[in-house]
């Protein structure tokens, strides 16, 4: 499972010009699933995201997590989870990416849902895109801070 984290000051997702999810400050989380992923991968990456210290503290150092902002001073942060099978694009050969490593919808959708639910168990406010839909995602990257997480890197 892969998650591309973008720290944002604002993000929103629409489907057919209808707003379906929006956050202020927080994370836009693009989530990709491969055939080998399971519930443990979703839980592991949700915990990693919740505890990742990439928000500024009072001195301006990147030292606070989403959970710190939820429980400490500040207005908290939101999470916008958007499924993104193209995170498993293989571009090593030719000019057209291959997506054979991306899990089929029947396997991937429940794991993206599990990831979002796992974030909620930490008390984080979560908005979501719509799995399999043509979505328009708008964001204002903050920093910019963009971080790549792959569950395979953590031995899950």
N, C-alpha and C. Protein backbone atom coordinates (compact mmCIF):
# COMPACT_ATOMS: atom_id res chain seq x y z
N UNK A 1 0.85 -1.16 0.00
CA UNK A 1 0.00 0.00 0.00
C UNK A 1 0.90 1.22 0.00
N UNK A 2 0.50 2.21 -0.76
CA UNK A 2 1.27 3.45 -0.86
C UNK A 2 0.37 4.63 -0.52
N UNK A 3 0.99 5.59 0.17
CA UNK A 3 0.28 6.83 0.48
C UNK A 3 1.22 7.98 0.13
N UNK A 4 0.73 8.87 -0.70
CA UNK A 4 1.45 10.10 -1.00
C UNK A 4 0.78 11.19 -0.16
N UNK A 5 1.54 11.73 0.78
CA UNK A 5 1.03 12.75 1.70
C UNK A 5 1.41 14.12 1.17
N UNK A 6 0.42 14.98 1.07
CA UNK A 6 0.70 16.37 0.75
C UNK A 6 0.11 17.22 1.87
N UNK A 7 1.00 17.95 2.56
CA UNK A 7 0.52 18.86 3.60
C UNK A 7 -0.11 20.04 2.88
N UNK A 8 -1.32 20.37 3.25
CA UNK A 8 -2.08 21.40 2.53
C UNK A 8 -2.63 22.45 3.48
N UNK A 9 -2.86 23.62 2.94
CA UNK A 9 -3.61 24.63 3.69
C UNK A 9 -5.09 24.54 3.33
N UNK A 10 -5.38 23.87 2.21
CA UNK A 10 -6.77 23.66 1.77
C UNK A 10 -6.77 22.58 0.68
N UNK A 11 -7.75 21.71 0.70
CA UNK A 11 -7.92 20.73 -0.38
C UNK A 11 -9.40 20.36 -0.49
N UNK A 12 -9.78 20.02 -1.71
CA UNK A 12 -11.17 19.61 -1.96
C UNK A 12 -11.22 18.66 -3.14
N UNK A 13 -12.25 17.84 -3.16
CA UNK A 13 -12.46 16.91 -4.26
C UNK A 13 -13.90 17.01 -4.72
N UNK A 14 -14.07 17.06 -6.05
CA UNK A 14 -15.40 17.10 -6.63
C UNK A 14 -15.56 15.97 -7.62
N UNK A 15 -16.80 15.54 -7.79
CA UNK A 15 -17.16 14.55 -8.81
C UNK A 15 -18.32 15.16 -9.59
N UNK A 16 -18.15 15.29 -10.90
CA UNK A 16 -19.17 15.90 -11.77
C UNK A 16 -19.60 17.26 -11.22
N UNK A 17 -18.61 18.06 -10.83
CA UNK A 17 -18.83 19.41 -10.31
C UNK A 17 -19.59 19.46 -8.98
N UNK A 18 -19.70 18.33 -8.30
CA UNK A 18 -20.34 18.30 -6.99
C UNK A 18 -19.25 18.07 -5.93
N UNK A 19 -19.19 18.98 -4.96
CA UNK A 19 -18.22 18.86 -3.88
C UNK A 19 -18.56 17.65 -3.02
N UNK A 20 -17.57 16.74 -2.85
CA UNK A 20 -17.83 15.56 -2.01
C UNK A 20 -16.90 15.49 -0.81
N UNK A 21 -15.84 16.28 -0.78
CA UNK A 21 -14.94 16.31 0.37
C UNK A 21 -14.10 17.56 0.35
N UNK A 22 -13.90 18.14 1.54
CA UNK A 22 -13.11 19.37 1.63
C UNK A 22 -12.52 19.48 3.02
N UNK A 23 -11.26 19.93 3.08
CA UNK A 23 -10.60 20.20 4.35
C UNK A 23 -9.89 21.54 4.28
N UNK A 24 -9.60 22.09 5.44
CA UNK A 24 -8.69 23.23 5.54
C UNK A 24 -7.30 22.67 5.70
N UNK A 25 -6.58 23.15 6.69
CA UNK A 25 -5.22 22.69 6.96
C UNK A 25 -5.22 21.20 7.27
N UNK A 26 -4.25 20.49 6.72
CA UNK A 26 -4.14 19.06 6.99
C UNK A 26 -3.38 18.33 5.93
N UNK A 27 -3.84 17.10 5.65
CA UNK A 27 -3.18 16.24 4.67
C UNK A 27 -4.15 15.83 3.57
N UNK A 28 -3.71 15.99 2.32
CA UNK A 28 -4.33 15.30 1.21
C UNK A 28 -3.58 13.99 1.09
N UNK A 29 -4.28 12.87 1.18
CA UNK A 29 -3.66 11.55 1.20
C UNK A 29 -4.11 10.76 -0.03
N UNK A 30 -3.19 10.62 -1.00
CA UNK A 30 -3.46 9.82 -2.18
C UNK A 30 -3.06 8.39 -1.86
N UNK A 31 -3.99 7.45 -2.00
CA UNK A 31 -3.79 6.08 -1.52
C UNK A 31 -3.88 5.09 -2.67
N UNK A 32 -2.82 4.29 -2.82
CA UNK A 32 -2.79 3.23 -3.83
C UNK A 32 -2.66 1.88 -3.15
N UNK A 33 -3.29 0.88 -3.75
CA UNK A 33 -3.29 -0.48 -3.19
C UNK A 33 -2.79 -1.45 -4.25
N UNK A 34 -1.96 -2.39 -3.83
CA UNK A 34 -1.49 -3.46 -4.71
C UNK A 34 -2.07 -4.80 -4.24
N UNK A 35 -1.87 -5.84 -5.05
CA UNK A 35 -2.44 -7.17 -4.80
C UNK A 35 -2.03 -7.75 -3.46
N UNK A 36 -0.85 -7.45 -3.00
CA UNK A 36 -0.30 -8.05 -1.78
C UNK A 36 -0.78 -7.39 -0.50
N UNK A 37 -1.49 -6.29 -0.59
CA UNK A 37 -1.87 -5.53 0.59
C UNK A 37 -3.06 -6.15 1.31
N UNK A 38 -3.08 -5.92 2.62
CA UNK A 38 -4.18 -6.39 3.46
C UNK A 38 -4.50 -5.36 4.52
N UNK A 39 -5.42 -5.70 5.41
CA UNK A 39 -5.84 -4.77 6.46
C UNK A 39 -4.68 -4.25 7.32
N UNK A 40 -3.69 -5.08 7.58
CA UNK A 40 -2.56 -4.64 8.41
C UNK A 40 -1.81 -3.49 7.74
N UNK A 41 -1.73 -3.49 6.41
CA UNK A 41 -1.06 -2.41 5.70
C UNK A 41 -1.82 -1.10 5.89
N UNK A 42 -3.14 -1.16 5.78
CA UNK A 42 -3.96 0.04 5.96
C UNK A 42 -3.80 0.59 7.37
N UNK A 43 -3.84 -0.28 8.36
CA UNK A 43 -3.71 0.15 9.75
C UNK A 43 -2.33 0.74 10.03
N UNK A 44 -1.29 0.09 9.51
CA UNK A 44 0.08 0.55 9.71
C UNK A 44 0.28 1.95 9.13
N UNK A 45 -0.17 2.15 7.90
CA UNK A 45 0.05 3.45 7.26
C UNK A 45 -0.82 4.54 7.89
N UNK A 46 -2.02 4.20 8.34
CA UNK A 46 -2.85 5.19 9.03
C UNK A 46 -2.16 5.66 10.32
N UNK A 47 -1.59 4.73 11.06
CA UNK A 47 -0.88 5.09 12.29
C UNK A 47 0.33 5.95 11.98
N UNK A 48 1.04 5.59 10.92
CA UNK A 48 2.22 6.37 10.52
C UNK A 48 1.81 7.80 10.16
N UNK A 49 0.74 7.95 9.40
CA UNK A 49 0.24 9.27 8.99
C UNK A 49 -0.16 10.08 10.23
N UNK A 50 -0.91 9.47 11.13
CA UNK A 50 -1.42 10.18 12.31
C UNK A 50 -0.28 10.70 13.19
N UNK A 51 0.81 9.94 13.27
CA UNK A 51 1.92 10.28 14.15
C UNK A 51 3.07 11.02 13.47
N UNK A 52 3.00 11.19 12.15
CA UNK A 52 4.09 11.81 11.40
C UNK A 52 4.23 13.28 11.80
N UNK A 53 5.41 13.66 12.24
CA UNK A 53 5.65 15.01 12.76
C UNK A 53 6.14 15.92 11.64
N UNK A 54 5.21 16.53 10.93
CA UNK A 54 5.55 17.41 9.81
C UNK A 54 4.82 18.75 9.86
N UNK A 55 4.26 19.08 11.02
CA UNK A 55 3.64 20.40 11.20
C UNK A 55 4.54 21.24 12.11
N UNK A 56 4.50 22.54 11.91
CA UNK A 56 5.35 23.44 12.68
C UNK A 56 4.92 23.50 14.15
N UNK A 57 5.94 23.60 15.03
CA UNK A 57 5.66 23.84 16.44
C UNK A 57 5.69 25.36 16.66
N UNK A 58 5.62 25.78 17.91
CA UNK A 58 5.57 27.20 18.24
C UNK A 58 6.81 27.96 17.80
N UNK A 59 7.93 27.25 17.65
CA UNK A 59 9.17 27.90 17.24
C UNK A 59 9.41 27.83 15.73
N UNK A 60 8.45 27.25 14.99
CA UNK A 60 8.59 27.17 13.54
C UNK A 60 9.32 25.94 13.04
N UNK A 61 9.66 25.03 13.95
CA UNK A 61 10.31 23.78 13.54
C UNK A 61 9.26 22.73 13.21
N UNK A 62 9.56 21.90 12.21
CA UNK A 62 8.66 20.80 11.86
C UNK A 62 8.81 19.74 12.94
N UNK A 63 7.84 19.71 13.87
CA UNK A 63 7.99 18.86 15.05
C UNK A 63 6.66 18.38 15.62
N UNK A 64 5.54 18.65 14.94
CA UNK A 64 4.24 18.29 15.49
C UNK A 64 3.49 17.38 14.53
N UNK A 65 2.74 16.45 15.10
CA UNK A 65 1.94 15.53 14.31
C UNK A 65 0.49 16.03 14.21
N UNK A 66 -0.28 15.39 13.36
CA UNK A 66 -1.71 15.70 13.28
C UNK A 66 -2.37 15.46 14.63
N UNK A 67 -1.94 14.41 15.34
CA UNK A 67 -2.50 14.13 16.66
C UNK A 67 -2.14 15.22 17.65
N UNK A 68 -0.92 15.75 17.57
CA UNK A 68 -0.53 16.85 18.45
C UNK A 68 -1.44 18.05 18.24
N UNK A 69 -1.78 18.33 17.01
CA UNK A 69 -2.63 19.48 16.70
C UNK A 69 -4.08 19.22 17.08
N UNK A 70 -4.46 17.97 17.10
CA UNK A 70 -5.82 17.60 17.49
C UNK A 70 -6.01 17.82 18.98
N UNK A 71 -4.99 17.48 19.76
CA UNK A 71 -5.11 17.52 21.22
C UNK A 71 -4.47 18.75 21.85
N UNK A 72 -3.60 19.44 21.12
CA UNK A 72 -2.90 20.59 21.68
C UNK A 72 -3.50 21.89 21.19
N UNK A 73 -2.68 22.93 21.25
CA UNK A 73 -3.15 24.22 20.76
C UNK A 73 -3.26 24.16 19.24
N UNK A 74 -3.97 25.09 18.70
CA UNK A 74 -4.17 25.09 17.24
C UNK A 74 -5.58 24.65 16.92
N UNK A 75 -5.92 24.73 15.68
CA UNK A 75 -7.29 24.44 15.25
C UNK A 75 -7.45 23.03 14.70
N UNK A 76 -6.47 22.18 14.92
CA UNK A 76 -6.56 20.82 14.40
C UNK A 76 -6.28 20.78 12.91
N UNK A 77 -6.38 19.58 12.39
CA UNK A 77 -6.13 19.36 10.97
C UNK A 77 -7.13 18.36 10.44
N UNK A 78 -7.33 18.37 9.12
CA UNK A 78 -8.21 17.42 8.47
C UNK A 78 -7.43 16.47 7.58
N UNK A 79 -8.06 15.38 7.24
CA UNK A 79 -7.49 14.38 6.34
C UNK A 79 -8.45 14.23 5.16
N UNK A 80 -7.93 14.32 3.95
CA UNK A 80 -8.72 14.06 2.75
C UNK A 80 -8.11 12.87 2.04
N UNK A 81 -8.83 11.74 2.06
CA UNK A 81 -8.35 10.47 1.51
C UNK A 81 -8.92 10.29 0.10
N UNK A 82 -8.02 10.11 -0.87
CA UNK A 82 -8.42 9.95 -2.26
C UNK A 82 -7.72 8.71 -2.83
N UNK A 83 -8.49 7.77 -3.34
CA UNK A 83 -7.90 6.57 -3.95
C UNK A 83 -7.15 6.97 -5.22
N UNK A 84 -6.01 6.30 -5.45
CA UNK A 84 -5.13 6.69 -6.57
C UNK A 84 -4.38 5.47 -7.08
N UNK A 85 -5.02 4.68 -7.94
CA UNK A 85 -4.37 3.46 -8.43
C UNK A 85 -3.11 3.76 -9.22
N UNK A 86 -3.00 4.98 -9.75
CA UNK A 86 -1.83 5.32 -10.57
C UNK A 86 -0.54 5.41 -9.75
N UNK A 87 -0.62 5.34 -8.43
CA UNK A 87 0.60 5.28 -7.62
C UNK A 87 1.38 4.00 -7.91
N UNK A 88 0.72 3.02 -8.52
CA UNK A 88 1.40 1.77 -8.89
C UNK A 88 1.71 1.70 -10.38
N UNK A 89 1.82 2.85 -11.03
CA UNK A 89 2.19 2.88 -12.44
C UNK A 89 3.62 2.36 -12.63
N UNK A 90 3.79 1.52 -13.62
CA UNK A 90 5.12 1.02 -13.99
C UNK A 90 5.47 1.67 -15.32
N UNK A 91 6.48 2.53 -15.30
CA UNK A 91 6.87 3.28 -16.50
C UNK A 91 8.24 2.85 -17.03
N UNK A 92 8.70 1.68 -16.61
CA UNK A 92 10.04 1.24 -17.01
C UNK A 92 10.15 0.93 -18.49
N UNK A 93 9.07 0.53 -19.12
CA UNK A 93 9.13 0.17 -20.54
C UNK A 93 8.07 0.91 -21.33
N UNK A 94 8.45 1.33 -22.50
CA UNK A 94 7.51 1.98 -23.40
C UNK A 94 7.09 3.36 -22.93
N UNK A 95 6.00 3.83 -23.51
CA UNK A 95 5.51 5.18 -23.21
C UNK A 95 4.18 5.18 -22.50
N UNK A 96 3.54 4.03 -22.45
CA UNK A 96 2.25 3.93 -21.76
C UNK A 96 2.48 3.19 -20.45
N UNK A 97 2.11 3.82 -19.32
CA UNK A 97 2.30 3.14 -18.04
C UNK A 97 1.48 1.86 -17.95
N UNK A 98 2.04 0.90 -17.26
CA UNK A 98 1.32 -0.33 -16.94
C UNK A 98 0.80 -0.21 -15.52
N UNK A 99 -0.40 -0.70 -15.28
CA UNK A 99 -0.99 -0.64 -13.95
C UNK A 99 -1.27 -2.03 -13.39
N UNK A 100 -0.51 -3.02 -13.84
CA UNK A 100 -0.76 -4.39 -13.42
C UNK A 100 -0.50 -4.61 -11.94
N UNK A 101 0.31 -3.76 -11.31
CA UNK A 101 0.57 -3.90 -9.87
C UNK A 101 -0.55 -3.31 -9.02
N UNK A 102 -1.41 -2.48 -9.61
CA UNK A 102 -2.54 -1.93 -8.87
C UNK A 102 -3.58 -3.01 -8.64
N UNK A 103 -4.10 -3.06 -7.43
CA UNK A 103 -5.12 -4.06 -7.09
C UNK A 103 -6.43 -3.74 -7.80
N UNK A 104 -7.22 -4.77 -8.13
CA UNK A 104 -8.53 -4.52 -8.73
C UNK A 104 -9.46 -3.87 -7.69
N UNK A 105 -10.50 -3.20 -8.16
CA UNK A 105 -11.39 -2.47 -7.25
C UNK A 105 -11.94 -3.30 -6.09
N UNK A 106 -12.28 -4.55 -6.35
CA UNK A 106 -12.85 -5.39 -5.29
C UNK A 106 -11.89 -5.62 -4.13
N UNK A 107 -10.61 -5.58 -4.41
CA UNK A 107 -9.59 -5.73 -3.37
C UNK A 107 -9.19 -4.37 -2.79
N UNK A 108 -9.08 -3.37 -3.65
CA UNK A 108 -8.56 -2.06 -3.24
C UNK A 108 -9.56 -1.23 -2.45
N UNK A 109 -10.81 -1.18 -2.89
CA UNK A 109 -11.79 -0.28 -2.25
C UNK A 109 -11.94 -0.55 -0.75
N UNK A 110 -12.07 -1.80 -0.32
CA UNK A 110 -12.19 -2.03 1.13
C UNK A 110 -10.95 -1.59 1.92
N UNK A 111 -9.78 -1.67 1.29
CA UNK A 111 -8.56 -1.27 1.99
C UNK A 111 -8.42 0.25 2.07
N UNK A 112 -8.86 0.95 1.05
CA UNK A 112 -8.89 2.42 1.14
C UNK A 112 -9.87 2.84 2.22
N UNK A 113 -11.03 2.18 2.27
CA UNK A 113 -12.01 2.45 3.33
C UNK A 113 -11.42 2.14 4.71
N UNK A 114 -10.70 1.05 4.81
CA UNK A 114 -10.08 0.66 6.09
C UNK A 114 -9.06 1.71 6.53
N UNK A 115 -8.26 2.21 5.58
CA UNK A 115 -7.29 3.26 5.88
C UNK A 115 -8.00 4.50 6.44
N UNK A 116 -9.07 4.95 5.79
CA UNK A 116 -9.81 6.13 6.26
C UNK A 116 -10.42 5.87 7.64
N UNK A 117 -10.97 4.69 7.83
CA UNK A 117 -11.56 4.34 9.14
C UNK A 117 -10.50 4.29 10.23
N UNK A 118 -9.32 3.76 9.89
CA UNK A 118 -8.23 3.70 10.87
C UNK A 118 -7.80 5.10 11.29
N UNK A 119 -7.79 6.06 10.36
CA UNK A 119 -7.48 7.44 10.73
C UNK A 119 -8.53 7.99 11.69
N UNK A 120 -9.78 7.65 11.44
CA UNK A 120 -10.87 8.12 12.32
C UNK A 120 -10.73 7.58 13.74
N UNK A 121 -10.18 6.38 13.88
CA UNK A 121 -10.03 5.81 15.23
C UNK A 121 -9.09 6.64 16.09
N UNK A 122 -8.24 7.44 15.46
CA UNK A 122 -7.35 8.34 16.20
C UNK A 122 -8.06 9.65 16.56
N UNK A 123 -9.30 9.79 16.12
CA UNK A 123 -10.05 11.01 16.38
C UNK A 123 -9.85 12.09 15.33
N UNK A 124 -9.18 11.74 14.24
CA UNK A 124 -8.91 12.71 13.18
C UNK A 124 -10.14 12.87 12.30
N UNK A 125 -10.47 14.11 11.91
CA UNK A 125 -11.58 14.32 10.97
C UNK A 125 -11.15 13.90 9.57
N UNK A 126 -11.94 13.06 8.93
CA UNK A 126 -11.58 12.49 7.62
C UNK A 126 -12.69 12.76 6.62
N UNK A 127 -12.29 13.29 5.48
CA UNK A 127 -13.16 13.42 4.31
C UNK A 127 -12.62 12.45 3.26
N UNK A 128 -13.46 12.06 2.31
CA UNK A 128 -13.02 11.08 1.31
C UNK A 128 -13.47 11.47 -0.09
N UNK A 129 -12.68 11.00 -1.06
CA UNK A 129 -13.10 11.05 -2.44
C UNK A 129 -14.05 9.89 -2.69
N UNK A 130 -14.36 9.62 -3.95
CA UNK A 130 -15.25 8.51 -4.31
C UNK A 130 -14.45 7.50 -5.12
N UNK A 131 -14.33 6.31 -4.60
CA UNK A 131 -13.53 5.28 -5.23
C UNK A 131 -14.01 5.02 -6.66
N UNK A 132 -13.08 5.02 -7.60
CA UNK A 132 -13.38 4.68 -8.99
C UNK A 132 -13.99 5.80 -9.81
N UNK A 133 -14.27 6.93 -9.19
CA UNK A 133 -14.90 8.04 -9.91
C UNK A 133 -13.84 8.92 -10.57
N UNK A 134 -14.25 9.64 -11.61
CA UNK A 134 -13.41 10.69 -12.18
C UNK A 134 -13.52 11.87 -11.22
N UNK A 135 -12.45 12.16 -10.52
CA UNK A 135 -12.46 13.21 -9.50
C UNK A 135 -11.59 14.38 -9.94
N UNK A 136 -12.01 15.56 -9.53
CA UNK A 136 -11.17 16.75 -9.66
C UNK A 136 -10.69 17.07 -8.25
N UNK A 137 -9.37 17.04 -8.08
CA UNK A 137 -8.77 17.29 -6.77
C UNK A 137 -8.04 18.63 -6.83
N UNK A 138 -8.41 19.52 -5.94
CA UNK A 138 -7.76 20.82 -5.84
C UNK A 138 -7.04 20.90 -4.50
N UNK A 139 -5.84 21.50 -4.51
CA UNK A 139 -5.11 21.64 -3.26
C UNK A 139 -4.22 22.85 -3.31
N UNK A 140 -3.94 23.36 -2.13
CA UNK A 140 -2.90 24.36 -1.95
C UNK A 140 -1.86 23.69 -1.07
N UNK A 141 -0.73 23.32 -1.68
CA UNK A 141 0.34 22.63 -0.97
C UNK A 141 0.96 23.61 0.01
N UNK A 142 1.17 23.15 1.23
CA UNK A 142 1.72 23.98 2.29
C UNK A 142 3.16 23.59 2.55
N UNK A 143 4.06 24.48 2.28
CA UNK A 143 5.48 24.24 2.54
C UNK A 143 6.34 24.47 1.30
N UNK A 144 6.26 23.67 0.30
CA UNK A 144 5.49 22.44 0.17
C UNK A 144 6.13 21.29 0.95
N UNK A 145 5.26 20.47 1.50
CA UNK A 145 5.68 19.23 2.16
C UNK A 145 4.96 18.09 1.46
N UNK A 146 5.72 17.19 0.85
CA UNK A 146 5.18 16.01 0.18
C UNK A 146 6.02 14.82 0.59
N UNK A 147 5.36 13.77 1.10
CA UNK A 147 6.07 12.60 1.62
C UNK A 147 5.43 11.34 1.07
N UNK A 148 6.28 10.38 0.71
CA UNK A 148 5.87 9.10 0.16
C UNK A 148 6.01 8.02 1.23
N UNK A 149 4.95 7.28 1.50
CA UNK A 149 5.00 6.13 2.40
C UNK A 149 4.62 4.88 1.62
N UNK A 150 5.35 3.80 1.84
CA UNK A 150 5.05 2.53 1.22
C UNK A 150 5.11 1.48 2.32
N UNK A 151 4.04 0.72 2.51
CA UNK A 151 4.00 -0.27 3.59
C UNK A 151 5.12 -1.30 3.44
N UNK A 152 5.57 -1.55 2.22
CA UNK A 152 6.67 -2.51 2.00
C UNK A 152 7.96 -2.03 2.68
N UNK A 153 8.10 -0.73 2.87
CA UNK A 153 9.28 -0.18 3.52
C UNK A 153 9.30 -0.44 5.03
N UNK A 154 8.16 -0.83 5.57
CA UNK A 154 8.04 -1.03 7.01
C UNK A 154 7.90 -2.50 7.37
N UNK A 155 8.11 -3.38 6.40
CA UNK A 155 8.11 -4.81 6.66
C UNK A 155 6.76 -5.42 6.94
N UNK A 156 5.71 -4.76 6.49
CA UNK A 156 4.37 -5.34 6.74
C UNK A 156 4.06 -6.41 5.73
